[in-house]
C-alpha atoms as a PDB file:
ATOM      1  CA  MET A   1     -79.028 -97.920  86.979  1.00  0.00           C
ATOM      2  CA  ILE A   2     -76.851-101.016  87.167  1.00  0.00           C
ATOM      3  CA  LEU A   3     -74.857-101.312  90.396  1.00  0.00           C
ATOM      4  CA  ALA A   4     -71.555-103.065  89.689  1.00  0.00           C
ATOM      5  CA  ALA A   5     -69.063-101.725  92.231  1.00  0.00           C
ATOM      6  CA  GLY A   6     -68.741-104.557  94.764  1.00  0.00           C
ATOM      7  CA  VAL A   7     -65.946-107.079  95.177  1.00  0.00           C
ATOM      8  CA  GLY A   8     -68.032-110.279  94.988  1.00  0.00           C
ATOM      9  CA  GLU A   9     -66.055-112.103  97.660  1.00  0.00           C
ATOM     10  CA  ARG A  10     -68.245-115.218  97.705  1.00  0.00           C
ATOM     11  CA  ALA A  11     -67.620-115.756  93.987  1.00  0.00           C
ATOM     12  CA  ARG A  12     -63.890-116.174  94.477  1.00  0.00           C
ATOM     13  CA  PRO A  13     -61.597-117.323  92.929  1.00  0.00           C
ATOM     14  CA  LEU A  14     -63.391-115.940  89.843  1.00  0.00           C
ATOM     15  CA  THR A  15     -63.386-112.433  91.320  1.00  0.00           C
ATOM     16  CA  ASP A  16     -59.762-112.396  92.477  1.00  0.00           C
ATOM     17  CA  GLN A  17     -58.656-111.043  89.105  1.00  0.00           C
ATOM     18  CA  ILE A  18     -61.854-109.559  87.661  1.00  0.00           C
ATOM     19  CA  PRO A  19     -64.980-107.816  89.050  1.00  0.00           C
ATOM     20  CA  LYS A  20     -68.125-109.907  89.339  1.00  0.00           C
ATOM     21  CA  ALA A  21     -69.647-107.898  86.478  1.00  0.00           C
ATOM     22  CA  LEU A  22     -67.156-109.550  84.114  1.00  0.00           C
ATOM     23  CA  VAL A  23     -67.716-113.130  85.252  1.00  0.00           C
ATOM     24  CA  SER A  24     -68.789-115.026  82.143  1.00  0.00           C
ATOM     25  CA  VAL A  25     -71.793-117.371  82.176  1.00  0.00           C
ATOM     26  CA  ALA A  26     -73.041-119.182  79.068  1.00  0.00           C
ATOM     27  CA  GLY A  27     -70.891-117.086  76.765  1.00  0.00           C
ATOM     28  CA  ARG A  28     -71.639-113.592  78.121  1.00  0.00           C
ATOM     29  CA  THR A  29     -70.494-111.599  81.121  1.00  0.00           C
ATOM     30  CA  LEU A  30     -73.038-110.806  83.837  1.00  0.00           C
ATOM     31  CA  LEU A  31     -72.811-107.175  82.751  1.00  0.00           C
ATOM     32  CA  ASP A  32     -73.575-108.075  79.136  1.00  0.00           C
ATOM     33  CA  TRP A  33     -76.581-110.156  80.192  1.00  0.00           C
ATOM     34  CA  SER A  34     -77.873-107.158  82.182  1.00  0.00           C
ATOM     35  CA  LEU A  35     -77.372-104.738  79.293  1.00  0.00           C
ATOM     36  CA  HIS A  36     -78.990-107.218  76.921  1.00  0.00           C
ATOM     37  CA  ASP A  37     -82.059-107.642  79.149  1.00  0.00           C
ATOM     38  CA  PHE A  38     -82.563-103.909  79.666  1.00  0.00           C
ATOM     39  CA  SER A  39     -82.234-103.330  75.929  1.00  0.00           C
ATOM     40  CA  LEU A  40     -84.838-106.025  75.175  1.00  0.00           C
ATOM     41  CA  ALA A  41     -87.134-104.328  77.701  1.00  0.00           C
ATOM     42  CA  GLY A  42     -86.781-101.002  75.890  1.00  0.00           C
ATOM     43  CA  ILE A  43     -84.415 -99.252  78.316  1.00  0.00           C
ATOM     44  CA  GLN A  44     -81.541 -97.673  76.400  1.00  0.00           C
ATOM     45  CA  ASN A  45     -80.006 -95.161  78.838  1.00  0.00           C
ATOM     46  CA  ILE A  46     -77.903 -96.902  81.475  1.00  0.00           C
ATOM     47  CA  THR A  47     -75.998 -95.443  84.411  1.00  0.00           C
ATOM     48  CA  LEU A  48     -73.351 -97.953  85.486  1.00  0.00           C
ATOM     49  CA  ALA A  49     -71.799 -97.573  88.960  1.00  0.00           C
ATOM     50  CA  ILE A  50     -68.378 -99.243  89.169  1.00  0.00           C
ATOM     51  CA  GLY A  51     -65.689 -99.562  91.843  1.00  0.00           C
ATOM     52  CA  TYR A  52     -63.694-102.772  92.318  1.00  0.00           C
ATOM     53  CA  LYS A  53     -61.289-103.211  89.373  1.00  0.00           C
ATOM     54  CA  ALA A  54     -63.241-100.507  87.555  1.00  0.00           C
ATOM     55  CA  SER A  55     -60.660-100.121  84.780  1.00  0.00           C
ATOM     56  CA  LEU A  56     -61.364-103.666  83.585  1.00  0.00           C
ATOM     57  CA  ILE A  57     -65.059-102.882  83.177  1.00  0.00           C
ATOM     58  CA  GLU A  58     -64.240 -99.700  81.254  1.00  0.00           C
ATOM     59  CA  LYS A  59     -61.865-101.652  79.006  1.00  0.00           C
ATOM     60  CA  HIS A  60     -64.546-104.284  78.398  1.00  0.00           C
ATOM     61  CA  LEU A  61     -67.109-101.655  77.392  1.00  0.00           C
ATOM     62  CA  GLN A  62     -64.619-100.174  74.924  1.00  0.00           C
ATOM     63  CA  SER A  63     -63.860-103.501  73.236  1.00  0.00           C
ATOM     64  CA  ASP A  64     -64.859-103.874  69.592  1.00  0.00           C
ATOM     65  CA  GLU A  65     -67.091-106.899  70.201  1.00  0.00           C
ATOM     66  CA  GLN A  66     -68.965-105.243  73.072  1.00  0.00           C
ATOM     67  CA  GLN A  67     -69.414-102.021  71.100  1.00  0.00           C
ATOM     68  CA  LYS A  68     -70.912-104.062  68.269  1.00  0.00           C
ATOM     69  CA  ASP A  69     -73.390-105.869  70.542  1.00  0.00           C
ATOM     70  CA  CYS A  70     -74.430-103.072  72.888  1.00  0.00           C
ATOM     71  CA  GLU A  71     -77.312-100.828  71.842  1.00  0.00           C
ATOM     72  CA  SER A  72     -77.417 -98.851  75.095  1.00  0.00           C
ATOM     73  CA  SER A  73     -76.047 -95.432  75.944  1.00  0.00           C
ATOM     74  CA  ILE A  74     -73.918 -96.007  79.047  1.00  0.00           C
ATOM     75  CA  THR A  75     -72.839 -93.387  81.582  1.00  0.00           C
ATOM     76  CA  ILE A  76     -70.123 -94.645  83.921  1.00  0.00           C
ATOM     77  CA  VAL A  77     -70.098 -93.480  87.547  1.00  0.00           C
ATOM     78  CA  PRO A  78     -66.906 -94.329  89.484  1.00  0.00           C
ATOM     79  CA  VAL A  79     -67.662 -95.030  93.166  1.00  0.00           C
ATOM     80  CA  GLN A  80     -64.558 -94.123  95.136  1.00  0.00           C
ATOM     81  CA  ASP A  81     -65.731 -95.529  98.485  1.00  0.00           C
ATOM     82  CA  TYR A  82     -67.610 -98.580  97.187  1.00  0.00           C
ATOM     83  CA  GLU A  83     -66.255-100.649 100.102  1.00  0.00           C
ATOM     84  CA  ILE A  84     -68.862 -98.982 102.328  1.00  0.00           C
ATOM     85  CA  GLY A  85     -71.517-101.109 100.646  1.00  0.00           C
ATOM     86  CA  PRO A  86     -74.333-101.142  98.110  1.00  0.00           C
ATOM     87  CA  LEU A  87     -76.103 -98.120  99.649  1.00  0.00           C
ATOM     88  CA  ARG A  88     -73.073 -95.941  98.904  1.00  0.00           C
ATOM     89  CA  THR A  89     -72.960 -97.315  95.360  1.00  0.00           C
ATOM     90  CA  ALA A  90     -76.667 -96.692  94.788  1.00  0.00           C
ATOM     91  CA  LEU A  91     -76.495 -93.133  96.109  1.00  0.00           C
ATOM     92  CA  SER A  92     -73.455 -92.361  93.940  1.00  0.00           C
ATOM     93  CA  ALA A  93     -75.424 -93.414  90.867  1.00  0.00           C
ATOM     94  CA  ILE A  94     -78.606 -91.585  91.883  1.00  0.00           C
ATOM     95  CA  GLU A  95     -76.770 -88.327  92.568  1.00  0.00           C
ATOM     96  CA  THR A  96     -75.474 -88.208  88.984  1.00  0.00           C
ATOM     97  CA  PHE A  97     -78.810 -89.115  87.439  1.00  0.00           C
ATOM     98  CA  SER A  98     -80.855 -86.260  85.983  1.00  0.00           C
ATOM     99  CA  ASP A  99     -84.255 -87.970  85.606  1.00  0.00           C
ATOM    100  CA  GLU A 100     -86.822 -87.905  88.394  1.00  0.00           C
ATOM    101  CA  GLU A 101     -87.506 -91.663  88.239  1.00  0.00           C
ATOM    102  CA  PHE A 102     -85.032 -94.506  87.847  1.00  0.00           C
ATOM    103  CA  PHE A 103     -84.860 -98.289  87.680  1.00  0.00           C
ATOM    104  CA  ILE A 104     -82.215 -99.777  89.991  1.00  0.00           C
ATOM    105  CA  CYS A 105     -80.807-103.307  89.713  1.00  0.00           C
ATOM    106  CA  PRO A 106     -77.471-104.878  90.779  1.00  0.00           C
ATOM    107  CA  VAL A 107     -75.358-106.463  88.069  1.00  0.00           C
ATOM    108  CA  ASP A 108     -75.424-109.828  89.842  1.00  0.00           C
ATOM    109  CA  ALA A 109     -79.216-110.057  89.593  1.00  0.00           C
ATOM    110  CA  VAL A 110     -79.959-111.686  86.239  1.00  0.00           C
ATOM    111  CA  VAL A 111     -83.640-110.843  86.071  1.00  0.00           C
ATOM    112  CA  GLY A 112     -84.651-111.225  82.426  1.00  0.00           C
ATOM    113  CA  ALA A 113     -86.384-108.784  80.097  1.00  0.00           C
ATOM    114  CA  ASP A 114     -89.887-110.059  80.932  1.00  0.00           C
ATOM    115  CA  ASN A 115     -89.512-109.188  84.611  1.00  0.00           C
ATOM    116  CA  ILE A 116     -88.183-105.749  83.706  1.00  0.00           C
ATOM    117  CA  LYS A 117     -91.114-105.091  81.371  1.00  0.00           C
ATOM    118  CA  ASP A 118     -93.626-106.261  83.974  1.00  0.00           C
ATOM    119  CA  LEU A 119     -92.148-103.958  86.619  1.00  0.00           C
ATOM    120  CA  LEU A 120     -92.268-101.031  84.199  1.00  0.00           C
ATOM    121  CA  ASN A 121     -95.931-101.789  83.494  1.00  0.00           C
ATOM    122  CA  LYS A 122     -96.653-101.861  87.236  1.00  0.00           C
ATOM    123  CA  TYR A 123     -95.001 -98.461  87.566  1.00  0.00           C
ATOM    124  CA  GLU A 124     -97.032 -97.022  84.685  1.00  0.00           C
ATOM    125  CA  TYR A 125    -100.182 -98.222  86.426  1.00  0.00           C
ATOM    126  CA  SER A 126     -99.281 -97.107  89.957  1.00  0.00           C
ATOM    127  CA  ARG A 127     -97.119 -94.022  89.203  1.00  0.00           C
ATOM    128  CA  GLY A 128     -95.295 -94.645  92.467  1.00  0.00           C
ATOM    129  CA  MET A 129     -92.176 -96.381  93.708  1.00  0.00           C
ATOM    130  CA  VAL A 130     -92.297-100.148  93.103  1.00  0.00           C
ATOM    131  CA  LEU A 131     -90.282-103.056  94.527  1.00  0.00           C
ATOM    132  CA  ALA A 132     -90.129-106.450  92.811  1.00  0.00           C
ATOM    133  CA  VAL A 133     -90.991-109.314  95.171  1.00  0.00           C
ATOM    134  CA  ASP A 134     -90.718-113.078  94.733  1.00  0.00           C
ATOM    135  CA  TYR A 135     -93.217-115.066  96.817  1.00  0.00           C
ATOM    136  CA  THR A 136     -91.560-118.393  96.002  1.00  0.00           C
ATOM    137  CA  ALA A 137     -87.956-117.540  96.950  1.00  0.00           C
ATOM    138  CA  THR A 138     -86.465-119.058 100.107  1.00  0.00           C
ATOM    139  CA  SER A 139     -83.471-116.730 100.407  1.00  0.00           C
ATOM    140  CA  GLY A 140     -82.916-113.014 100.159  1.00  0.00           C
ATOM    141  CA  THR A 141     -84.266-110.035 102.078  1.00  0.00           C
ATOM    142  CA  PRO A 142     -87.771-110.649 103.511  1.00  0.00           C
ATOM    143  CA  VAL A 143     -90.418-108.208 102.285  1.00  0.00           C
ATOM    144  CA  TYR A 144     -93.676-107.694 104.195  1.00  0.00           C
ATOM    145  CA  ILE A 145     -96.807-106.638 102.293  1.00  0.00           C
ATOM    146  CA  ASP A 146    -100.183-105.433 103.539  1.00  0.00           C
ATOM    147  CA  LYS A 147    -103.600-106.451 102.161  1.00  0.00           C
ATOM    148  CA  ASP A 148    -103.598-103.525  99.707  1.00  0.00           C
ATOM    149  CA  GLY A 149    -100.306-104.541  98.068  1.00  0.00           C
ATOM    150  CA  PHE A 150     -98.027-101.994  99.743  1.00  0.00           C
ATOM    151  CA  VAL A 151     -94.692-102.869 101.314  1.00  0.00           C
ATOM    152  CA  VAL A 152     -94.827-102.259 105.080  1.00  0.00           C
ATOM    153  CA  GLY A 153     -91.267-103.295 105.872  1.00  0.00           C
ATOM    154  CA  LEU A 154     -88.132-105.170 104.831  1.00  0.00           C
ATOM    155  CA  GLY A 155     -85.640-107.264 106.793  1.00  0.00           C
ATOM    156  CA  ASN A 156     -85.883-109.547 109.788  1.00  0.00           C
ATOM    157  CA  SER A 157     -88.114-107.354 111.978  1.00  0.00           C
ATOM    158  CA  VAL A 158     -91.756-108.134 111.196  1.00  0.00           C
ATOM    159  CA  PRO A 159     -93.901-104.958 111.251  1.00  0.00           C
ATOM    160  CA  GLU A 160     -97.597-104.684 112.030  1.00  0.00           C
ATOM    161  CA  GLY A 161    -100.236-105.089 109.338  1.00  0.00           C
ATOM    162  CA  VAL A 162     -98.531-107.907 107.438  1.00  0.00           C
ATOM    163  CA  PHE A 163    -100.802-109.803 105.054  1.00  0.00           C
ATOM    164  CA  SER A 164     -98.171-111.722 103.071  1.00  0.00           C
ATOM    165  CA  THR A 165     -94.399-112.192 102.962  1.00  0.00           C
ATOM    166  CA  GLY A 166     -92.044-112.544 100.015  1.00  0.00           C
ATOM    167  CA  ARG A 167     -88.383-111.925  99.212  1.00  0.00           C
ATOM    168  CA  SER A 168     -86.811-109.020  97.394  1.00  0.00           C
ATOM    169  CA  ALA A 169     -86.219-109.740  93.705  1.00  0.00           C
ATOM    170  CA  MET A 170     -83.607-106.937  93.655  1.00  0.00           C
ATOM    171  CA  MET A 171     -85.384-104.592  91.231  1.00  0.00           C
ATOM    172  CA  LEU A 172     -86.650-101.192  92.328  1.00  0.00           C
ATOM    173  CA  ILE A 173     -88.250 -98.293  90.506  1.00  0.00           C
ATOM    174  CA  ALA A 174     -87.789 -95.204  92.671  1.00  0.00           C
ATOM    175  CA  ASN A 175     -87.744 -91.435  92.452  1.00  0.00           C
ATOM    176  CA  ARG A 176     -85.632 -88.699  93.962  1.00  0.00           C
ATOM    177  CA  THR A 177     -87.623 -88.834  97.204  1.00  0.00           C
ATOM    178  CA  ILE A 178     -85.306 -91.656  98.207  1.00  0.00           C
ATOM    179  CA  VAL A 179     -82.124 -89.549  98.030  1.00  0.00           C
ATOM    180  CA  ASP A 180     -82.386 -87.900 101.455  1.00  0.00           C
ATOM    181  CA  TYR A 181     -83.216 -91.241 103.054  1.00  0.00           C
ATOM    182  CA  CYS A 182     -80.093 -92.794 101.518  1.00  0.00           C
ATOM    183  CA  ARG A 183     -77.940 -89.945 102.776  1.00  0.00           C
ATOM    184  CA  SER A 184     -79.447 -90.159 106.246  1.00  0.00           C
ATOM    185  CA  ALA A 185     -78.899 -93.918 106.425  1.00  0.00           C
ATOM    186  CA  LEU A 186     -75.245 -93.524 105.412  1.00  0.00           C
ATOM    187  CA  LEU A 187     -74.704 -90.916 108.133  1.00  0.00           C
ATOM    188  CA  GLN A 188     -75.946 -93.530 110.601  1.00  0.00           C
ATOM    189  CA  ASN A 189     -73.379 -96.030 109.257  1.00  0.00           C
ATOM    190  CA  GLU A 190     -75.923 -98.192 107.479  1.00  0.00           C
ATOM    191  CA  ASN A 191     -74.707 -99.811 104.253  1.00  0.00           C
ATOM    192  CA  ARG A 192     -77.802-101.375 102.629  1.00  0.00           C
ATOM    193  CA  LEU A 193     -80.625 -99.806 100.667  1.00  0.00           C
ATOM    194  CA  VAL A 194     -83.144-101.669 102.832  1.00  0.00           C
ATOM    195  CA  PHE A 195     -82.524 -99.245 105.707  1.00  0.00           C
ATOM    196  CA  ALA A 196     -83.368 -96.235 103.558  1.00  0.00           C
ATOM    197  CA  LEU A 197     -86.522 -97.948 102.274  1.00  0.00           C
ATOM    198  CA  ASN A 198     -87.687 -98.810 105.784  1.00  0.00           C
ATOM    199  CA  ARG A 199     -87.297 -95.223 106.969  1.00  0.00           C
ATOM    200  CA  MET A 200     -89.148 -94.001 103.908  1.00  0.00           C
ATOM    201  CA  ILE A 201     -92.019 -96.438 104.574  1.00  0.00           C
ATOM    202  CA  ASN A 202     -92.146 -95.433 108.253  1.00  0.00           C
ATOM    203  CA  ASP A 203     -92.624 -91.809 107.140  1.00  0.00           C
ATOM    204  CA  GLY A 204     -95.702 -92.803 105.182  1.00  0.00           C
ATOM    205  CA  ILE A 205     -94.197 -92.745 101.671  1.00  0.00           C
ATOM    206  CA  PRO A 206     -95.854 -95.574  99.701  1.00  0.00           C
ATOM    207  CA  LEU A 207     -93.845 -98.392  98.167  1.00  0.00           C
ATOM    208  CA  TYR A 208     -95.846-100.716  95.931  1.00  0.00           C
ATOM    209  CA  CYS A 209     -95.187-104.445  95.725  1.00  0.00           C
ATOM    210  CA  HIS A 210     -94.909-106.142  92.338  1.00  0.00           C
ATOM    211  CA  GLU A 211     -94.860-109.942  92.217  1.00  0.00           C
ATOM    212  CA  VAL A 212     -92.374-111.387  89.717  1.00  0.00           C
ATOM    213  CA  HIS A 213     -93.581-114.338  87.651  1.00  0.00           C
ATOM    214  CA  SER A 214     -90.552-115.180  85.479  1.00  0.00           C
ATOM    215  CA  LYS A 215     -87.400-116.883  86.717  1.00  0.00           C
ATOM    216  CA  TRP A 216     -84.556-114.683  87.933  1.00  0.00           C
ATOM    217  CA  PHE A 217     -81.206-115.310  89.627  1.00  0.00           C
ATOM    218  CA  ASP A 218     -79.249-113.643  92.415  1.00  0.00           C
ATOM    219  CA  ILE A 219     -75.635-114.528  91.647  1.00  0.00           C
ATOM    220  CA  ASP A 220     -73.611-114.768  94.829  1.00  0.00           C
ATOM    221  CA  THR A 221     -71.669-118.045  94.940  1.00  0.00           C
ATOM    222  CA  LEU A 222     -70.111-120.536  92.527  1.00  0.00           C
ATOM    223  CA  SER A 223     -73.222-122.691  92.926  1.00  0.00           C
ATOM    224  CA  ASP A 224     -75.372-119.781  91.730  1.00  0.00           C
ATOM    225  CA  ILE A 225     -73.147-119.381  88.669  1.00  0.00           C
ATOM    226  CA  ILE A 226     -73.494-123.063  87.736  1.00  0.00           C
ATOM    227  CA  LEU A 227     -77.291-122.933  88.127  1.00  0.00           C
ATOM    228  CA  LEU A 228     -77.477-119.787  86.003  1.00  0.00           C
ATOM    229  CA  ASN A 229     -75.309-121.400  83.321  1.00  0.00           C
ATOM    230  CA  ARG A 230     -77.740-124.324  83.131  1.00  0.00           C
ATOM    231  CA  HIS A 231     -80.764-122.021  82.915  1.00  0.00           C
ATOM    232  CA  LEU A 232     -79.266-119.846  80.180  1.00  0.00           C
ATOM    233  CA  LEU A 233     -78.107-122.825  78.126  1.00  0.00           C
ATOM    234  CA  GLU A 234     -81.542-124.406  78.368  1.00  0.00           C
ATOM    235  CA  SER A 235     -83.593-121.322  77.591  1.00  0.00           C
ATOM    236  CA  ARG A 236     -81.714-118.381  76.110  1.00  0.00           C
ATOM    237  CA  VAL A 237     -78.398-119.087  74.423  1.00  0.00           C
ATOM    238  CA  ALA A 238     -79.510-120.590  71.102  1.00  0.00           C
ATOM    239  CA  GLN A 239     -80.527-117.336  69.417  1.00  0.00           C
ATOM    240  CA  ASP A 240     -77.376-115.504  70.509  1.00  0.00           C
ATOM    241  CA  VAL A 241     -74.559-117.803  69.372  1.00  0.00           C
ATOM    242  CA  ARG A 242     -72.601-116.218  66.532  1.00  0.00           C
ATOM    243  CA  ARG A 243     -69.302-118.079  66.794  1.00  0.00           C
ATOM    244  CA  GLY A 244     -68.501-121.455  68.250  1.00  0.00           C
ATOM    245  CA  LEU A 245     -70.789-124.440  68.491  1.00  0.00           C
ATOM    246  CA  PHE A 246     -74.055-124.804  70.410  1.00  0.00           C
ATOM    247  CA  VAL A 247     -75.957-128.048  70.896  1.00  0.00           C
ATOM    248  CA  PRO A 248     -79.493-127.239  72.104  1.00  0.00           C
ATOM    249  CA  ASN A 249     -81.254-128.821  75.033  1.00  0.00           C
ATOM    250  CA  GLY A 250     -82.483-132.311  74.130  1.00  0.00           C
ATOM    251  CA  ASP A 251     -80.209-132.692  71.093  1.00  0.00           C
ATOM    252  CA  SER A 252     -76.950-134.606  70.847  1.00  0.00           C
ATOM    253  CA  ILE A 253     -74.059-134.957  68.408  1.00  0.00           C
ATOM    254  CA  GLN A 254     -71.804-137.972  68.062  1.00  0.00           C
ATOM    255  CA  ILE A 255     -68.547-136.978  66.370  1.00  0.00           C
ATOM    256  CA  GLY A 256     -67.115-139.789  64.261  1.00  0.00           C
ATOM    257  CA  ASP A 257     -64.149-138.149  62.585  1.00  0.00           C
ATOM    258  CA  SER A 258     -62.626-134.952  63.892  1.00  0.00           C
ATOM    259  CA  LEU A 259     -64.631-131.742  63.490  1.00  0.00           C
ATOM    260  CA  VAL A 260     -62.935-128.389  62.893  1.00  0.00           C
ATOM    261  CA  LEU A 261     -64.963-125.162  62.727  1.00  0.00           C
ATOM    262  CA  LYS A 262     -62.655-122.848  60.794  1.00  0.00           C
ATOM    263  CA  ASP A 263     -64.597-119.651  61.535  1.00  0.00           C
ATOM    264  CA  SER A 264     -64.092-120.092  65.290  1.00  0.00           C
ATOM    265  CA  ASP A 265     -61.162-122.531  65.634  1.00  0.00           C
ATOM    266  CA  VAL A 266     -63.258-125.008  67.608  1.00  0.00           C
ATOM    267  CA  VAL A 267     -61.766-128.516  67.380  1.00  0.00           C
ATOM    268  CA  VAL A 268     -63.666-131.652  68.405  1.00  0.00           C
ATOM    269  CA  ASN A 269     -61.774-134.890  67.911  1.00  0.00           C
ATOM    270  CA  ALA A 270     -63.030-138.373  67.081  1.00  0.00           C
ATOM    271  CA  ASN A 271     -65.511-140.321  69.185  1.00  0.00           C
ATOM    272  CA  VAL A 272     -66.717-137.336  71.196  1.00  0.00           C
ATOM    273  CA  HIS A 273     -70.338-137.222  72.327  1.00  0.00           C
ATOM    274  CA  LEU A 274     -71.969-133.823  72.902  1.00  0.00           C
ATOM    275  CA  GLN A 275     -75.211-133.996  74.882  1.00  0.00           C
ATOM    276  CA  GLY A 276     -77.047-130.694  74.805  1.00  0.00           C
ATOM    277  CA  PRO A 277     -77.237-128.146  76.023  1.00  0.00           C
ATOM    278  CA  VAL A 278     -73.530-127.601  75.383  1.00  0.00           C
ATOM    279  CA  LEU A 279     -71.783-124.383  74.353  1.00  0.00           C
ATOM    280  CA  LEU A 280     -68.281-124.514  72.868  1.00  0.00           C
ATOM    281  CA  LEU A 281     -66.674-121.093  72.570  1.00  0.00           C
ATOM    282  CA  PRO A 282     -64.032-120.107  69.972  1.00  0.00           C
ATOM    283  CA  GLY A 283     -60.608-121.678  70.193  1.00  0.00           C
ATOM    284  CA  CYS A 284     -61.571-124.532  72.496  1.00  0.00           C
ATOM    285  CA  ARG A 285     -60.489-128.124  71.846  1.00  0.00           C
ATOM    286  CA  ILE A 286     -61.943-131.445  72.942  1.00  0.00           C
ATOM    287  CA  ASP A 287     -59.804-134.539  72.515  1.00  0.00           C
ATOM    288  CA  GLN A 288     -61.014-137.999  71.549  1.00  0.00           C
ATOM    289  CA  ASP A 289     -63.259-140.358  73.517  1.00  0.00           C
ATOM    290  CA  SER A 290     -64.818-137.645  75.659  1.00  0.00           C
ATOM    291  CA  ARG A 291     -68.433-137.083  76.670  1.00  0.00           C
ATOM    292  CA  ILE A 292     -69.538-133.484  77.201  1.00  0.00           C
ATOM    293  CA  GLY A 293     -72.897-132.424  78.628  1.00  0.00           C
ATOM    294  CA  PRO A 294     -75.525-131.751  79.461  1.00  0.00           C
ATOM    295  CA  ASN A 295     -75.309-128.182  80.811  1.00  0.00           C
ATOM    296  CA  VAL A 296     -71.687-127.490  79.919  1.00  0.00           C
ATOM    297  CA  THR A 297     -69.957-124.335  78.702  1.00  0.00           C
ATOM    298  CA  ILE A 298     -66.365-124.624  77.514  1.00  0.00           C
ATOM    299  CA  GLY A 299     -64.649-121.259  77.325  1.00  0.00           C
ATOM    300  CA  LEU A 300     -62.315-119.526  74.928  1.00  0.00           C
ATOM    301  CA  ALA A 301     -59.205-121.564  74.090  1.00  0.00           C
ATOM    302  CA  ALA A 302     -59.911-124.154  76.796  1.00  0.00           C
ATOM    303  CA  ARG A 303     -58.539-127.677  76.317  1.00  0.00           C
ATOM    304  CA  ILE A 304     -60.303-130.922  77.301  1.00  0.00           C
ATOM    305  CA  SER A 305     -57.964-133.907  77.095  1.00  0.00           C
ATOM    306  CA  GLU A 306     -58.971-137.386  76.005  1.00  0.00           C
ATOM    307  CA  ASN A 307     -61.458-139.651  77.772  1.00  0.00           C
ATOM    308  CA  CYS A 308     -63.081-136.950  79.904  1.00  0.00           C
ATOM    309  CA  GLU A 309     -66.674-136.650  81.052  1.00  0.00           C
ATOM    310  CA  LEU A 310     -68.115-133.235  81.945  1.00  0.00           C
ATOM    311  CA  ILE A 311     -71.636-132.670  83.276  1.00  0.00           C
ATOM    312  CA  ASN A 312     -73.188-129.454  84.589  1.00  0.00           C
ATOM    313  CA  THR A 313     -69.837-127.671  84.451  1.00  0.00           C
ATOM    314  CA  ILE A 314     -68.247-124.432  83.277  1.00  0.00           C
ATOM    315  CA  VAL A 315     -64.683-124.572  81.975  1.00  0.00           C
ATOM    316  CA  TYR A 316     -63.327-121.045  81.841  1.00  0.00           C
ATOM    317  CA  GLY A 317     -61.089-119.721  79.091  1.00  0.00           C
ATOM    318  CA  LYS A 318     -57.575-121.097  78.669  1.00  0.00           C
ATOM    319  CA  SER A 319     -58.134-123.775  81.319  1.00  0.00           C
ATOM    320  CA  ALA A 320     -56.971-127.327  80.738  1.00  0.00           C
ATOM    321  CA  VAL A 321     -58.750-130.487  81.898  1.00  0.00           C
ATOM    322  CA  HIS A 322     -56.483-133.505  82.312  1.00  0.00           C
ATOM    323  CA  ALA A 323     -57.125-136.827  80.620  1.00  0.00           C
ATOM    324  CA  ASN A 324     -59.548-139.314  82.196  1.00  0.00           C
ATOM    325  CA  SER A 325     -61.256-136.647  84.321  1.00  0.00           C
ATOM    326  CA  HIS A 326     -64.880-136.953  85.441  1.00  0.00           C
ATOM    327  CA  ILE A 327     -66.200-133.547  86.478  1.00  0.00           C
ATOM    328  CA  GLU A 328     -69.755-132.798  87.584  1.00  0.00           C
ATOM    329  CA  ASN A 329     -71.338-129.747  89.234  1.00  0.00           C
ATOM    330  CA  ALA A 330     -68.140-127.752  89.086  1.00  0.00           C
ATOM    331  CA  ILE A 331     -66.251-124.778  87.741  1.00  0.00           C
ATOM    332  CA  VAL A 332     -62.830-125.198  86.148  1.00  0.00           C
ATOM    333  CA  TYR A 333     -60.928-121.940  86.481  1.00  0.00           C
ATOM    334  CA  GLY A 334     -57.204-121.534  85.876  1.00  0.00           C
ATOM    335  CA  SER A 335     -57.183-125.316  85.309  1.00  0.00           C
ATOM    336  CA  LYS A 336     -58.249-125.886  88.935  1.00  0.00           C
ATOM    337  CA  ILE A 337     -61.523-127.632  89.718  1.00  0.00           C
ATOM    338  CA  TYR A 338     -63.954-126.067  92.177  1.00  0.00           C
ATOM    339  CA  HIS A 339     -66.869-128.324  93.079  1.00  0.00           C
ATOM    340  CA  ALA A 340     -70.171-126.824  94.193  1.00  0.00           C
ATOM    341  CA  GLU A 341     -73.125-128.081  96.204  1.00  0.00           C
ATOM    342  CA  LEU A 342     -76.355-127.608  94.276  1.00  0.00           C
END
């Protein structure tokens, strides 16, 4: 189950016009990265819970390019009262799901196929509910584990019997036992899944801990999006680029005369230096005497004017960057620059 109903307020202005699920990072939407990772991990049947600007997600899933790339069978669950919070969204998805066990992950957690596979292996070994935990994370919901590897509580209240503490990595394999606890928590005006899990644990229902070992990202703010863009460009984009131009990490290209890629309408004018990793998406144009990279994605039909320098930046589609601009650690959206603290 992929939970994709929320507004994503802290990712504004990107989410003013689109849901967070459709925010593009390194050439794919967050939703497409999630579907791609689950497919690589061998999970083909997806229940997708949507709410905010749901029609845009449905339109995206029906697009020719997405239909060509997606190998999953997707069941869409509209969440009418998604504003209540993620617990309402999760319960809406669970109530439509026919299988006894299910894997739950929010669309703004880019977790990677390796972490998904490892959690599935932990479930096959334990045959019980399993929560992914990151012992190195400094933010996120605290998770308290006993000496036998069971979760004894989540949140800010520290329970008895704690042996170690980590943070939730936002992946859960659960079964239908959790349904009544979700319903009960909602009746008590709780809005997060953590409350249902705590009540379940207090009733003696075991919840195993699984330590994640591969990098994952919780995408909340513009800073998170920039960091994810860098990670994906450095480690994952190369094998997925079909159209456009990608310069891998550690490589560089110095354009002498103008370069035109006719299959994707990418135009790079004279005396432009591309320092990888850099991803240029179809229809974009870079004017002369500019230096692009590292860690830069330039979106569909974006325009970079002459004598610009871009580092660690995402330029979203159809944006324009004015001549003589130096932009670092930023997002350019609707031709406006939004700097981020990393």
